[in-house]
Each structure stands twice: as structure tokens, then as C-alpha cells.
N, C-alpha and C. Protein backbone atom coordinates (compact mmCIF):
# COMPACT_ATOMS: atom_id res chain seq x y z
N MET A 1 0.82 -1.18 0.00
CA MET A 1 0.00 0.00 0.00
C MET A 1 0.87 1.25 0.00
N HIS A 2 1.93 1.24 0.78
CA HIS A 2 2.83 2.38 0.89
C HIS A 2 3.49 2.68 -0.47
N TYR A 3 3.88 1.61 -1.22
CA TYR A 3 4.50 1.79 -2.52
C TYR A 3 3.52 2.39 -3.52
N ARG A 4 2.26 1.99 -3.45
CA ARG A 4 1.23 2.55 -4.34
C ARG A 4 1.06 4.04 -4.08
N LEU A 5 1.06 4.44 -2.83
CA LEU A 5 0.91 5.84 -2.47
C LEU A 5 2.10 6.65 -2.98
N ILE A 6 3.29 6.11 -2.84
CA ILE A 6 4.48 6.79 -3.33
C ILE A 6 4.44 6.88 -4.86
N ALA A 7 4.05 5.80 -5.52
CA ALA A 7 3.96 5.80 -6.98
C ALA A 7 2.93 6.82 -7.46
N PHE A 8 1.78 6.88 -6.80
CA PHE A 8 0.74 7.84 -7.17
C PHE A 8 1.23 9.27 -6.97
N ALA A 9 1.90 9.53 -5.86
CA ALA A 9 2.42 10.87 -5.58
C ALA A 9 3.48 11.26 -6.62
N ALA A 10 4.33 10.33 -7.00
CA ALA A 10 5.34 10.62 -8.02
C ALA A 10 4.69 10.91 -9.36
N LEU A 11 3.67 10.15 -9.70
CA LEU A 11 2.95 10.37 -10.95
C LEU A 11 2.28 11.74 -10.95
N LEU A 12 1.63 12.09 -9.85
CA LEU A 12 0.96 13.38 -9.73
C LEU A 12 1.97 14.52 -9.80
N LEU A 13 3.07 14.39 -9.12
CA LEU A 13 4.11 15.42 -9.14
C LEU A 13 4.69 15.56 -10.55
N GLY A 14 4.90 14.46 -11.24
CA GLY A 14 5.40 14.50 -12.62
C GLY A 14 4.43 15.19 -13.55
N ALA A 15 3.16 14.91 -13.41
CA ALA A 15 2.15 15.55 -14.25
C ALA A 15 2.09 17.05 -14.02
N ILE A 16 2.20 17.45 -12.76
CA ILE A 16 2.18 18.88 -12.43
C ILE A 16 3.41 19.57 -13.01
N SER A 17 4.58 18.95 -12.88
CA SER A 17 5.80 19.57 -13.39
C SER A 17 5.79 19.67 -14.91
N VAL A 18 5.27 18.65 -15.59
CA VAL A 18 5.19 18.69 -17.04
C VAL A 18 4.22 19.78 -17.49
N SER A 19 3.06 19.87 -16.84
CA SER A 19 2.07 20.87 -17.26
C SER A 19 2.55 22.28 -16.98
N SER A 20 3.39 22.46 -15.99
CA SER A 20 3.89 23.81 -15.70
C SER A 20 4.94 24.25 -16.72
N CYS A 21 5.51 23.30 -17.47
CA CYS A 21 6.52 23.63 -18.48
C CYS A 21 5.92 23.90 -19.85
N ILE A 22 4.62 23.71 -20.02
CA ILE A 22 3.98 23.89 -21.32
C ILE A 22 3.89 25.36 -21.65
N ASP A 23 4.36 25.70 -22.83
CA ASP A 23 4.29 27.07 -23.32
C ASP A 23 2.83 27.39 -23.63
N PRO A 24 2.26 28.43 -23.00
CA PRO A 24 0.85 28.75 -23.23
C PRO A 24 0.55 29.09 -24.68
N ASP A 25 1.57 29.54 -25.43
CA ASP A 25 1.36 29.83 -26.84
C ASP A 25 1.24 28.55 -27.66
N GLN A 26 1.59 27.43 -27.10
CA GLN A 26 1.54 26.17 -27.83
C GLN A 26 0.50 25.21 -27.25
N SER A 27 -0.50 25.72 -26.55
CA SER A 27 -1.55 24.84 -26.04
C SER A 27 -2.28 24.22 -27.22
N GLN A 28 -2.95 23.13 -26.97
CA GLN A 28 -3.66 22.43 -28.04
C GLN A 28 -4.70 23.33 -28.71
N GLU A 29 -5.38 24.14 -27.94
CA GLU A 29 -6.39 25.04 -28.51
C GLU A 29 -5.74 26.08 -29.41
N VAL A 30 -4.62 26.64 -28.98
CA VAL A 30 -3.91 27.65 -29.79
C VAL A 30 -3.41 27.00 -31.08
N ILE A 31 -2.83 25.81 -30.97
CA ILE A 31 -2.34 25.10 -32.15
C ILE A 31 -3.51 24.80 -33.09
N PHE A 32 -4.63 24.34 -32.54
CA PHE A 32 -5.80 24.05 -33.37
C PHE A 32 -6.27 25.30 -34.11
N GLN A 33 -6.35 26.42 -33.42
CA GLN A 33 -6.80 27.66 -34.07
C GLN A 33 -5.84 28.09 -35.18
N LYS A 34 -4.52 27.92 -34.95
CA LYS A 34 -3.54 28.24 -35.99
C LYS A 34 -3.71 27.31 -37.19
N ASP A 35 -3.91 26.02 -36.91
CA ASP A 35 -4.14 25.05 -37.99
C ASP A 35 -5.39 25.41 -38.78
N LYS A 36 -6.46 25.71 -38.06
CA LYS A 36 -7.74 26.04 -38.71
C LYS A 36 -7.58 27.26 -39.62
N GLU A 37 -6.90 28.27 -39.13
CA GLU A 37 -6.67 29.47 -39.94
C GLU A 37 -5.80 29.15 -41.16
N ALA A 38 -4.77 28.35 -40.98
CA ALA A 38 -3.89 27.97 -42.09
C ALA A 38 -4.67 27.18 -43.15
N ILE A 39 -5.53 26.27 -42.70
CA ILE A 39 -6.34 25.47 -43.64
C ILE A 39 -7.31 26.38 -44.39
N GLU A 40 -7.97 27.28 -43.68
CA GLU A 40 -8.90 28.20 -44.34
C GLU A 40 -8.19 29.09 -45.34
N ASN A 41 -6.99 29.57 -45.01
CA ASN A 41 -6.20 30.37 -45.96
C ASN A 41 -5.81 29.54 -47.18
N TYR A 42 -5.41 28.29 -46.94
CA TYR A 42 -5.05 27.40 -48.05
C TYR A 42 -6.25 27.21 -48.98
N LEU A 43 -7.42 26.95 -48.40
CA LEU A 43 -8.61 26.73 -49.22
C LEU A 43 -9.04 27.99 -49.97
N ALA A 44 -8.81 29.15 -49.38
CA ALA A 44 -9.14 30.41 -50.07
C ALA A 44 -8.24 30.59 -51.29
N GLU A 45 -6.99 30.17 -51.19
CA GLU A 45 -6.04 30.30 -52.29
C GLU A 45 -6.09 29.13 -53.26
N ASN A 46 -6.62 28.00 -52.82
CA ASN A 46 -6.66 26.76 -53.62
C ASN A 46 -8.05 26.14 -53.52
N PRO A 47 -9.06 26.76 -54.13
CA PRO A 47 -10.42 26.26 -53.95
C PRO A 47 -10.63 24.87 -54.58
N PHE A 48 -11.43 24.07 -53.90
CA PHE A 48 -11.84 22.75 -54.37
C PHE A 48 -13.33 22.83 -54.68
N ASP A 49 -13.78 21.98 -55.60
CA ASP A 49 -15.21 21.86 -55.86
C ASP A 49 -15.77 20.73 -55.02
N GLY A 50 -17.06 20.80 -54.72
CA GLY A 50 -17.75 19.69 -54.07
C GLY A 50 -17.32 19.42 -52.65
N ALA A 51 -17.11 20.43 -51.85
CA ALA A 51 -16.62 20.22 -50.49
C ALA A 51 -17.67 19.61 -49.59
N VAL A 52 -17.24 18.73 -48.76
CA VAL A 52 -18.06 18.21 -47.67
C VAL A 52 -17.28 18.54 -46.40
N LYS A 53 -17.89 19.30 -45.54
CA LYS A 53 -17.24 19.67 -44.29
C LYS A 53 -17.92 18.88 -43.18
N GLU A 54 -17.17 18.09 -42.45
CA GLU A 54 -17.72 17.24 -41.40
C GLU A 54 -17.74 17.98 -40.07
N TYR A 55 -18.81 18.67 -39.76
CA TYR A 55 -18.93 19.39 -38.50
C TYR A 55 -19.32 18.45 -37.37
N GLY A 56 -18.71 18.65 -36.24
CA GLY A 56 -19.13 17.95 -35.03
C GLY A 56 -18.71 16.51 -34.94
N LEU A 57 -18.30 15.90 -36.03
CA LEU A 57 -17.92 14.50 -35.97
C LEU A 57 -16.52 14.33 -35.40
N VAL A 58 -15.60 15.13 -35.88
CA VAL A 58 -14.24 15.07 -35.37
C VAL A 58 -13.72 16.48 -35.11
N SER A 59 -13.86 17.36 -36.08
CA SER A 59 -13.27 18.68 -35.98
C SER A 59 -13.93 19.61 -36.98
N ASP A 60 -14.08 20.87 -36.62
CA ASP A 60 -14.63 21.82 -37.59
C ASP A 60 -13.55 22.35 -38.51
N ALA A 61 -12.39 21.73 -38.52
CA ALA A 61 -11.33 22.08 -39.47
C ALA A 61 -10.99 20.89 -40.35
N PHE A 62 -11.86 19.90 -40.39
CA PHE A 62 -11.68 18.72 -41.25
C PHE A 62 -12.48 18.96 -42.52
N TYR A 63 -11.81 18.86 -43.67
CA TYR A 63 -12.48 19.05 -44.95
C TYR A 63 -12.27 17.82 -45.81
N MET A 64 -13.29 17.51 -46.60
CA MET A 64 -13.21 16.37 -47.50
C MET A 64 -13.83 16.77 -48.82
N PHE A 65 -13.09 16.49 -49.91
CA PHE A 65 -13.53 16.85 -51.25
C PHE A 65 -13.46 15.59 -52.12
N TRP A 66 -14.58 15.23 -52.73
CA TRP A 66 -14.62 14.05 -53.58
C TRP A 66 -14.21 14.40 -54.99
N GLU A 67 -13.24 13.65 -55.54
CA GLU A 67 -12.87 13.75 -56.95
C GLU A 67 -13.72 12.77 -57.76
N THR A 68 -13.89 11.57 -57.23
CA THR A 68 -14.70 10.53 -57.84
C THR A 68 -15.61 9.97 -56.76
N SER A 69 -16.91 9.93 -57.07
CA SER A 69 -17.88 9.40 -56.11
C SER A 69 -18.71 8.32 -56.77
N VAL A 70 -19.00 7.27 -56.04
CA VAL A 70 -19.84 6.20 -56.59
C VAL A 70 -21.28 6.33 -56.10
N SER A 71 -21.51 7.23 -55.14
CA SER A 71 -22.83 7.42 -54.57
C SER A 71 -22.89 8.80 -53.94
N PRO A 72 -24.06 9.45 -54.00
CA PRO A 72 -24.16 10.78 -53.39
C PRO A 72 -24.11 10.76 -51.86
N GLU A 73 -24.34 9.60 -51.24
CA GLU A 73 -24.31 9.51 -49.79
C GLU A 73 -22.90 9.21 -49.29
N VAL A 74 -22.57 9.80 -48.15
CA VAL A 74 -21.31 9.50 -47.48
C VAL A 74 -21.45 8.11 -46.87
N ASN A 75 -20.41 7.31 -46.95
CA ASN A 75 -20.44 5.96 -46.40
C ASN A 75 -20.67 6.00 -44.89
N SER A 76 -21.61 5.21 -44.44
CA SER A 76 -21.83 5.09 -43.01
C SER A 76 -21.81 3.62 -42.58
N GLY A 77 -21.46 2.74 -43.51
CA GLY A 77 -21.48 1.31 -43.22
C GLY A 77 -20.15 0.72 -42.84
N MET A 78 -19.06 1.49 -42.93
CA MET A 78 -17.76 0.95 -42.56
C MET A 78 -17.65 0.92 -41.04
N LEU A 79 -17.16 -0.18 -40.52
CA LEU A 79 -17.02 -0.33 -39.08
C LEU A 79 -15.54 -0.39 -38.69
N ILE A 80 -15.27 -0.09 -37.44
CA ILE A 80 -13.92 -0.20 -36.92
C ILE A 80 -13.46 -1.64 -37.10
N GLY A 81 -12.28 -1.80 -37.64
CA GLY A 81 -11.72 -3.13 -37.85
C GLY A 81 -11.90 -3.65 -39.26
N ASP A 82 -12.71 -2.97 -40.10
CA ASP A 82 -12.79 -3.36 -41.50
C ASP A 82 -11.42 -3.11 -42.13
N THR A 83 -10.96 -4.03 -42.95
CA THR A 83 -9.65 -3.89 -43.58
C THR A 83 -9.81 -3.12 -44.89
N VAL A 84 -9.06 -2.04 -45.01
CA VAL A 84 -9.15 -1.19 -46.19
C VAL A 84 -7.85 -1.26 -46.97
N THR A 85 -7.97 -1.09 -48.28
CA THR A 85 -6.83 -1.00 -49.17
C THR A 85 -6.95 0.34 -49.88
N VAL A 86 -5.90 1.16 -49.78
CA VAL A 86 -5.97 2.53 -50.26
C VAL A 86 -4.65 2.98 -50.86
N ASN A 87 -4.74 3.73 -51.96
CA ASN A 87 -3.60 4.47 -52.47
C ASN A 87 -3.69 5.87 -51.89
N TYR A 88 -2.54 6.47 -51.61
CA TYR A 88 -2.58 7.83 -51.06
C TYR A 88 -1.35 8.61 -51.49
N THR A 89 -1.51 9.93 -51.44
CA THR A 89 -0.40 10.86 -51.56
C THR A 89 -0.59 11.88 -50.45
N GLY A 90 0.43 12.05 -49.60
CA GLY A 90 0.37 12.99 -48.49
C GLY A 90 1.20 14.22 -48.79
N ARG A 91 0.65 15.39 -48.44
CA ARG A 91 1.39 16.63 -48.65
C ARG A 91 1.07 17.64 -47.56
N LEU A 92 1.92 18.64 -47.49
CA LEU A 92 1.75 19.74 -46.55
C LEU A 92 0.91 20.83 -47.20
N LEU A 93 0.51 21.83 -46.43
CA LEU A 93 -0.24 22.95 -46.99
C LEU A 93 0.60 23.76 -47.98
N SER A 94 1.90 23.58 -47.96
CA SER A 94 2.80 24.22 -48.93
C SER A 94 2.80 23.46 -50.26
N ASP A 95 2.00 22.39 -50.33
CA ASP A 95 1.90 21.48 -51.49
C ASP A 95 3.13 20.63 -51.70
N VAL A 96 4.02 20.58 -50.71
CA VAL A 96 5.19 19.70 -50.77
C VAL A 96 4.72 18.29 -50.41
N ILE A 97 4.96 17.35 -51.31
CA ILE A 97 4.59 15.95 -51.09
C ILE A 97 5.65 15.30 -50.20
N PHE A 98 5.17 14.60 -49.15
CA PHE A 98 6.11 13.93 -48.24
C PHE A 98 6.04 12.42 -48.33
N ASP A 99 4.97 11.86 -48.96
CA ASP A 99 4.87 10.40 -49.09
C ASP A 99 3.78 10.05 -50.09
N SER A 100 3.92 8.88 -50.70
CA SER A 100 2.90 8.36 -51.61
C SER A 100 3.08 6.87 -51.75
N THR A 101 1.98 6.18 -51.99
CA THR A 101 2.04 4.76 -52.30
C THR A 101 2.23 4.54 -53.79
N ILE A 102 2.23 5.63 -54.56
CA ILE A 102 2.33 5.57 -56.01
C ILE A 102 3.78 5.89 -56.40
N GLU A 103 4.46 4.92 -56.97
CA GLU A 103 5.89 5.05 -57.26
C GLU A 103 6.21 6.27 -58.12
N GLN A 104 5.45 6.50 -59.18
CA GLN A 104 5.76 7.62 -60.07
C GLN A 104 5.59 8.96 -59.36
N VAL A 105 4.59 9.07 -58.50
CA VAL A 105 4.39 10.31 -57.73
C VAL A 105 5.58 10.53 -56.81
N ALA A 106 6.05 9.45 -56.16
CA ALA A 106 7.21 9.56 -55.27
C ALA A 106 8.45 9.98 -56.06
N LYS A 107 8.67 9.39 -57.23
CA LYS A 107 9.83 9.75 -58.05
C LYS A 107 9.74 11.20 -58.51
N ASP A 108 8.56 11.61 -58.97
CA ASP A 108 8.38 12.96 -59.49
C ASP A 108 8.55 14.05 -58.42
N ASN A 109 8.41 13.66 -57.15
CA ASN A 109 8.45 14.65 -56.07
C ASN A 109 9.62 14.48 -55.11
N GLY A 110 10.59 13.67 -55.51
CA GLY A 110 11.81 13.54 -54.73
C GLY A 110 11.67 12.82 -53.40
N VAL A 111 10.64 11.97 -53.27
CA VAL A 111 10.48 11.22 -52.02
C VAL A 111 10.58 9.71 -52.26
N PHE A 112 11.07 9.33 -53.43
CA PHE A 112 11.22 7.92 -53.76
C PHE A 112 12.27 7.27 -52.87
N GLN A 113 11.95 6.07 -52.38
CA GLN A 113 12.86 5.31 -51.54
C GLN A 113 13.16 3.98 -52.23
N SER A 114 14.40 3.80 -52.66
CA SER A 114 14.73 2.52 -53.31
C SER A 114 14.59 1.42 -52.28
N GLY A 115 14.13 0.30 -52.71
CA GLY A 115 13.92 -0.82 -51.80
C GLY A 115 12.51 -0.87 -51.22
N ARG A 116 11.79 0.24 -51.29
CA ARG A 116 10.41 0.25 -50.81
C ARG A 116 9.51 -0.31 -51.91
N GLU A 117 8.57 -1.14 -51.52
CA GLU A 117 7.60 -1.66 -52.47
C GLU A 117 6.42 -0.69 -52.54
N TYR A 118 6.23 -0.08 -53.69
CA TYR A 118 5.14 0.89 -53.86
C TYR A 118 3.90 0.13 -54.30
N LYS A 119 2.96 0.07 -53.40
CA LYS A 119 1.69 -0.61 -53.65
C LYS A 119 0.67 -0.01 -52.69
N PRO A 120 -0.62 -0.26 -52.93
CA PRO A 120 -1.63 0.27 -52.01
C PRO A 120 -1.40 -0.22 -50.57
N LEU A 121 -1.73 0.65 -49.64
CA LEU A 121 -1.62 0.36 -48.21
C LEU A 121 -2.86 -0.41 -47.76
N THR A 122 -2.66 -1.47 -47.00
CA THR A 122 -3.77 -2.25 -46.45
C THR A 122 -3.63 -2.26 -44.93
N PHE A 123 -4.72 -1.90 -44.23
CA PHE A 123 -4.69 -1.86 -42.77
C PHE A 123 -6.11 -1.92 -42.21
N PRO A 124 -6.26 -2.31 -40.93
CA PRO A 124 -7.58 -2.31 -40.29
C PRO A 124 -7.95 -0.88 -39.91
N ASN A 125 -8.98 -0.35 -40.52
CA ASN A 125 -9.36 1.05 -40.30
C ASN A 125 -9.96 1.26 -38.91
N GLY A 126 -9.63 2.41 -38.33
CA GLY A 126 -10.23 2.81 -37.06
C GLY A 126 -9.56 2.25 -35.83
N LEU A 127 -8.46 1.54 -35.98
CA LEU A 127 -7.77 0.95 -34.83
C LEU A 127 -6.49 1.69 -34.50
N GLY A 128 -6.31 2.87 -35.07
CA GLY A 128 -5.11 3.66 -34.78
C GLY A 128 -3.89 3.19 -35.52
N ALA A 129 -4.07 2.41 -36.58
CA ALA A 129 -2.93 1.94 -37.36
C ALA A 129 -2.32 3.07 -38.18
N PHE A 130 -3.11 4.08 -38.45
CA PHE A 130 -2.65 5.21 -39.23
C PHE A 130 -3.17 6.48 -38.59
N LEU A 131 -3.01 7.63 -39.24
CA LEU A 131 -3.41 8.92 -38.68
C LEU A 131 -4.92 9.04 -38.55
N THR A 132 -5.37 9.70 -37.50
CA THR A 132 -6.80 9.85 -37.22
C THR A 132 -7.54 10.50 -38.38
N GLY A 133 -7.01 11.60 -38.93
CA GLY A 133 -7.67 12.28 -40.04
C GLY A 133 -7.72 11.42 -41.29
N PHE A 134 -6.66 10.68 -41.54
CA PHE A 134 -6.58 9.76 -42.67
C PHE A 134 -7.65 8.68 -42.53
N GLU A 135 -7.69 8.03 -41.36
CA GLU A 135 -8.64 6.95 -41.12
C GLU A 135 -10.08 7.46 -41.15
N PHE A 136 -10.32 8.65 -40.60
CA PHE A 136 -11.67 9.20 -40.61
C PHE A 136 -12.13 9.45 -42.05
N GLY A 137 -11.25 10.02 -42.86
CA GLY A 137 -11.60 10.24 -44.27
C GLY A 137 -11.92 8.95 -44.98
N ILE A 138 -11.08 7.94 -44.79
CA ILE A 138 -11.32 6.63 -45.41
C ILE A 138 -12.68 6.07 -44.97
N SER A 139 -13.03 6.26 -43.71
CA SER A 139 -14.29 5.69 -43.20
C SER A 139 -15.52 6.30 -43.85
N LYS A 140 -15.38 7.45 -44.49
CA LYS A 140 -16.51 8.11 -45.15
C LYS A 140 -16.60 7.76 -46.63
N MET A 141 -15.64 6.97 -47.12
CA MET A 141 -15.58 6.65 -48.54
C MET A 141 -16.12 5.26 -48.83
N LYS A 142 -16.42 5.04 -50.10
CA LYS A 142 -16.82 3.73 -50.60
C LYS A 142 -15.77 3.28 -51.60
N PRO A 143 -15.60 1.96 -51.78
CA PRO A 143 -14.62 1.48 -52.76
C PRO A 143 -14.87 2.11 -54.13
N GLY A 144 -13.78 2.51 -54.76
CA GLY A 144 -13.86 3.14 -56.07
C GLY A 144 -13.86 4.66 -56.00
N GLU A 145 -13.94 5.22 -54.80
CA GLU A 145 -13.98 6.67 -54.67
C GLU A 145 -12.58 7.24 -54.47
N LYS A 146 -12.43 8.48 -54.95
CA LYS A 146 -11.22 9.25 -54.74
C LYS A 146 -11.62 10.54 -54.05
N ALA A 147 -10.86 10.92 -53.04
CA ALA A 147 -11.17 12.15 -52.30
C ALA A 147 -9.89 12.75 -51.77
N THR A 148 -9.97 14.04 -51.46
CA THR A 148 -8.89 14.73 -50.80
C THR A 148 -9.38 15.15 -49.43
N VAL A 149 -8.60 14.85 -48.39
CA VAL A 149 -8.93 15.27 -47.03
C VAL A 149 -7.87 16.24 -46.55
N ILE A 150 -8.32 17.25 -45.82
CA ILE A 150 -7.42 18.23 -45.22
C ILE A 150 -7.80 18.30 -43.75
N PHE A 151 -6.81 18.17 -42.88
CA PHE A 151 -7.13 18.14 -41.46
C PHE A 151 -6.02 18.77 -40.62
N PRO A 152 -6.39 19.21 -39.41
CA PRO A 152 -5.42 19.86 -38.52
C PRO A 152 -4.38 18.88 -37.99
N SER A 153 -3.30 19.44 -37.48
CA SER A 153 -2.17 18.63 -37.00
C SER A 153 -2.56 17.66 -35.89
N GLY A 154 -3.54 18.02 -35.08
CA GLY A 154 -3.97 17.13 -34.00
C GLY A 154 -4.56 15.82 -34.51
N MET A 155 -5.00 15.80 -35.76
CA MET A 155 -5.52 14.58 -36.38
C MET A 155 -4.43 13.89 -37.21
N GLY A 156 -3.22 14.49 -37.19
CA GLY A 156 -2.09 13.94 -37.92
C GLY A 156 -0.98 13.55 -36.96
N TYR A 157 0.18 14.16 -37.13
CA TYR A 157 1.32 13.83 -36.29
C TYR A 157 1.45 14.73 -35.07
N GLY A 158 0.57 15.75 -34.96
CA GLY A 158 0.60 16.63 -33.81
C GLY A 158 1.93 17.33 -33.66
N SER A 159 2.45 17.36 -32.45
CA SER A 159 3.71 18.06 -32.17
C SER A 159 4.93 17.17 -32.40
N ASN A 160 4.72 15.99 -32.99
CA ASN A 160 5.82 15.06 -33.26
C ASN A 160 6.26 15.18 -34.71
N PRO A 161 7.37 15.85 -34.98
CA PRO A 161 7.81 15.98 -36.36
C PRO A 161 8.24 14.63 -36.94
N ARG A 162 8.11 14.51 -38.24
CA ARG A 162 8.55 13.34 -38.99
C ARG A 162 9.45 13.85 -40.11
N GLU A 163 10.15 12.95 -40.75
CA GLU A 163 11.00 13.36 -41.86
C GLU A 163 10.14 14.07 -42.92
N GLY A 164 10.46 15.33 -43.18
CA GLY A 164 9.73 16.10 -44.17
C GLY A 164 8.44 16.72 -43.67
N ILE A 165 8.10 16.48 -42.39
CA ILE A 165 6.86 17.00 -41.82
C ILE A 165 7.19 17.72 -40.51
N PRO A 166 7.14 19.05 -40.51
CA PRO A 166 7.40 19.78 -39.26
C PRO A 166 6.31 19.51 -38.21
N ALA A 167 6.65 19.73 -36.97
CA ALA A 167 5.67 19.60 -35.88
C ALA A 167 4.49 20.53 -36.15
N ASN A 168 3.32 20.12 -35.71
CA ASN A 168 2.09 20.92 -35.80
C ASN A 168 1.75 21.32 -37.23
N SER A 169 1.85 20.37 -38.15
CA SER A 169 1.55 20.63 -39.55
C SER A 169 0.18 20.06 -39.93
N PRO A 170 -0.74 20.92 -40.38
CA PRO A 170 -1.97 20.39 -40.98
C PRO A 170 -1.56 19.58 -42.23
N LEU A 171 -2.33 18.55 -42.55
CA LEU A 171 -1.97 17.66 -43.64
C LEU A 171 -3.07 17.56 -44.69
N ILE A 172 -2.66 17.21 -45.90
CA ILE A 172 -3.56 16.96 -47.02
C ILE A 172 -3.25 15.56 -47.52
N PHE A 173 -4.28 14.75 -47.71
CA PHE A 173 -4.10 13.43 -48.31
C PHE A 173 -5.05 13.26 -49.47
N GLU A 174 -4.51 12.87 -50.61
CA GLU A 174 -5.32 12.44 -51.73
C GLU A 174 -5.50 10.94 -51.56
N LEU A 175 -6.73 10.50 -51.47
CA LEU A 175 -7.04 9.11 -51.16
C LEU A 175 -7.80 8.44 -52.30
N GLU A 176 -7.50 7.18 -52.52
CA GLU A 176 -8.28 6.35 -53.44
C GLU A 176 -8.57 5.05 -52.70
N LEU A 177 -9.83 4.86 -52.34
CA LEU A 177 -10.22 3.63 -51.64
C LEU A 177 -10.45 2.54 -52.66
N ILE A 178 -9.62 1.53 -52.61
CA ILE A 178 -9.66 0.45 -53.59
C ILE A 178 -10.58 -0.68 -53.13
N GLN A 179 -10.47 -1.05 -51.86
CA GLN A 179 -11.22 -2.22 -51.39
C GLN A 179 -11.50 -2.10 -49.90
N VAL A 180 -12.63 -2.69 -49.47
CA VAL A 180 -12.96 -2.81 -48.05
C VAL A 180 -13.36 -4.26 -47.80
N LYS A 181 -12.69 -4.89 -46.86
CA LYS A 181 -13.07 -6.25 -46.43
C LYS A 181 -13.70 -6.10 -45.06
N LYS A 182 -14.92 -6.57 -44.93
CA LYS A 182 -15.64 -6.43 -43.67
C LYS A 182 -14.93 -7.20 -42.56
N GLY A 183 -14.85 -6.54 -41.41
CA GLY A 183 -14.18 -7.11 -40.26
C GLY A 183 -15.13 -7.87 -39.35
N PRO A 184 -14.64 -8.25 -38.17
CA PRO A 184 -15.41 -9.08 -37.26
C PRO A 184 -16.62 -8.40 -36.63
N LYS A 185 -16.71 -7.06 -36.71
CA LYS A 185 -17.85 -6.38 -36.09
C LYS A 185 -19.12 -6.44 -36.93
N HIS A 186 -19.00 -6.87 -38.19
CA HIS A 186 -20.18 -7.05 -39.04
C HIS A 186 -20.85 -8.37 -38.64
N THR A 187 -22.12 -8.34 -38.51
CA THR A 187 -22.85 -9.57 -38.17
C THR A 187 -23.63 -10.03 -39.37
N ASN A 188 -23.72 -11.31 -39.52
CA ASN A 188 -24.50 -11.89 -40.62
C ASN A 188 -25.96 -11.99 -40.19
N PRO A 189 -26.90 -11.65 -41.09
CA PRO A 189 -28.32 -11.73 -40.74
C PRO A 189 -28.81 -13.14 -40.51
């Protein structure tokens, strides 16, 4: 019991010390507002047709634009754990491409990695295997659709920079949903 109390006190003290070191200019709300403004500025300078803005579901700074649609309704039948196969190209608001599953796109944009197999990405959607904004966009699509999603950094890599992606970067993904295999949460009638 004594060790649990000491462990709890150490955890509490650590949390207090970490929170006291946070720069108020970099709070999650401030970062979100900066991301939202940057996305809105990007969209003002680079308009898309056919926008669908998903309010209240995840973020009021999440945008989705369909290039190819197989149905006028947004998909609502995909469940967490369904396995999706998707081609994608990821870029920053500066339009710099940082990754793609398409070899020619990677070569054309200086992000080609020799030894990497360029093919569609397959993963269980909604289980945190990929970025929240990416997975949310995929969950709204149907096989055969192409869409572009734009989302704030909190739905991407957040304050964790990656090669070619600065911390707190809103992201753009061009997505092509190729296939959905129903997962274990689907029940047979």
C-alpha cells in the first residue's frame, strides 16, 4: 500500500511539473486555431469543388472533397476493424509531397525510396494503425472513390515531427479507396 501511495504521488508530481513547463502559446487550442486558420487560408487560395465539411464528428477544421464518387451519400457502413486497401499521396499545406504509395508520384516529387515496395496500403481502419484524419476520411468513402482530405495537425502527427513534416503541420491526403473487407464487427443476418 505504501508503494502505491508513493507511486501515485510521483505520478501526480510528474504531471504537475510537465504541465507547468507547457508554453501557453503552444496549447492544443492555440495550435488548433492556428491550424484552422492555415487550412482556411489554403482553401481560399486553392479552392476545391464539391466540399463536404464534417462538423461535429471530429473537428470543424476537417475538410473532404470528392474527386470521384460512386454514390451521393457518405459511407456510413464501414465499421472499426474493416480492412481497407488505399492508395494515397500525403502533402503539406505548402503542397510539398512527403509520401505516396504511387511510385511515379514519389519519383516525381523527390520522395522515392529505393527498396520500398510501392503498392496500395492495407490496414484495419479505425484501430489507430494510421493517422486519425486519414482513417476518418477513409471511413466516409466507398470502394472506387477518390477524395482529398485536409485536417489539422492534431488529427495527424501533432507536435511530433517526422522526416519532411514539421511539428504541428496540418496535412492533405489524396485518397483512393480500392477495397474494403468487412471485419469481425459485421454480423450476418
